[in-house]
Amino acid sequence: MNITLSIDDRVVAEARRIASERGTSLNQLVRDFLADLTRTDDPEVVIAELEELWAKENYRSEGPWTREELHDDGRS
């Protein structure tokens, strides 16, 4: 959806500078901000997001591990 906003020129200039430093666009900064603002911590939503991420990536363990390997704190 496209929207029109009225924002002070100084604010836009500074936001564009920040976006450039982050390697992104002002448009993406605004999208990310609004997404974070409206993010929900509803467990069902979080689970759905994780399932979507897992479907996109290949997460494989290098196991199987022994009980000792699982509980090794690296100090031995």
Protein backbone atom coordinates (compact mmCIF):
# COMPACT_ATOMS: atom_id res chain seq x y z
CA MET A 1 0.00 0.00 0.00
CA ASN A 2 1.28 3.46 -0.82
CA ILE A 3 0.74 6.29 1.67
CA THR A 4 1.64 9.96 1.74
CA LEU A 5 3.25 11.50 4.81
CA SER A 6 4.17 15.06 5.71
CA ILE A 7 7.59 15.06 7.35
CA ASP A 8 9.96 17.93 8.07
CA ASP A 9 12.74 18.19 5.45
CA ARG A 10 15.45 18.08 8.14
CA VAL A 11 14.02 14.85 9.55
CA VAL A 12 13.87 13.25 6.09
CA ALA A 13 17.46 14.29 5.33
CA GLU A 14 18.74 12.83 8.60
CA ALA A 15 16.71 9.63 8.14
CA ARG A 16 18.13 9.23 4.61
CA ARG A 17 21.65 9.67 5.99
CA ILE A 18 21.01 6.99 8.62
CA ALA A 19 19.50 4.67 6.01
CA SER A 20 22.56 5.15 3.79
CA GLU A 21 24.90 4.30 6.68
CA ARG A 22 22.90 1.12 7.25
CA GLY A 23 22.97 0.21 3.58
CA THR A 24 19.21 0.49 3.15
CA SER A 25 16.59 2.95 1.96
CA LEU A 26 14.41 5.38 3.83
CA ASN A 27 11.43 3.41 2.57
CA GLN A 28 12.81 0.20 4.12
CA LEU A 29 13.57 1.98 7.41
CA VAL A 30 9.96 3.12 7.63
CA ARG A 31 8.66 -0.36 6.72
CA ASP A 32 10.90 -1.98 9.35
CA PHE A 33 9.87 0.55 11.99
CA LEU A 34 6.17 -0.02 11.34
CA ALA A 35 6.64 -3.79 11.30
CA ASP A 36 8.42 -3.64 14.67
CA LEU A 37 5.79 -1.27 16.02
CA THR A 38 2.97 -3.64 15.15
CA ARG A 39 4.81 -6.88 15.98
CA THR A 40 2.91 -9.22 18.21
CA ASP A 41 4.33 -11.64 20.72
CA ASP A 42 1.33 -13.95 20.28
CA PRO A 43 2.82 -17.47 20.60
CA GLU A 44 0.86 -18.75 17.60
CA VAL A 45 2.23 -15.95 15.42
CA VAL A 46 5.79 -16.55 16.65
CA ILE A 47 5.49 -20.29 15.95
CA ALA A 48 4.14 -19.61 12.44
CA GLU A 49 7.06 -17.24 11.75
CA LEU A 50 9.58 -19.80 13.00
CA GLU A 51 8.02 -22.54 10.89
CA GLU A 52 8.27 -20.25 7.86
CA LEU A 53 11.95 -19.58 8.58
CA TRP A 54 12.70 -23.25 9.09
CA ALA A 55 10.99 -24.08 5.79
CA LYS A 56 13.30 -21.61 3.99
CA GLU A 57 16.56 -22.77 5.59
CA ASN A 58 18.30 -26.09 5.93
CA TYR A 59 19.02 -26.54 9.62
CA ARG A 60 20.88 -29.76 10.26
CA SER A 61 22.74 -30.88 13.31
CA GLU A 62 26.10 -32.56 13.22
CA GLY A 63 24.92 -35.12 15.79
CA PRO A 64 24.26 -37.58 17.13
CA TRP A 65 26.13 -36.65 20.28
CA THR A 66 26.98 -38.61 23.36
CA ARG A 67 25.63 -37.55 26.75
CA GLU A 68 29.11 -36.36 27.70
CA GLU A 69 29.38 -34.18 24.58
CA LEU A 70 25.99 -32.59 25.27
CA HIS A 71 26.99 -31.66 28.82
CA ASP A 72 30.63 -30.70 28.12
CA ASP A 73 31.21 -27.11 29.28
CA GLY A 74 34.53 -26.86 27.42
CA ARG A 75 36.64 -26.61 30.58
CA SER A 76 38.07 -30.10 30.47
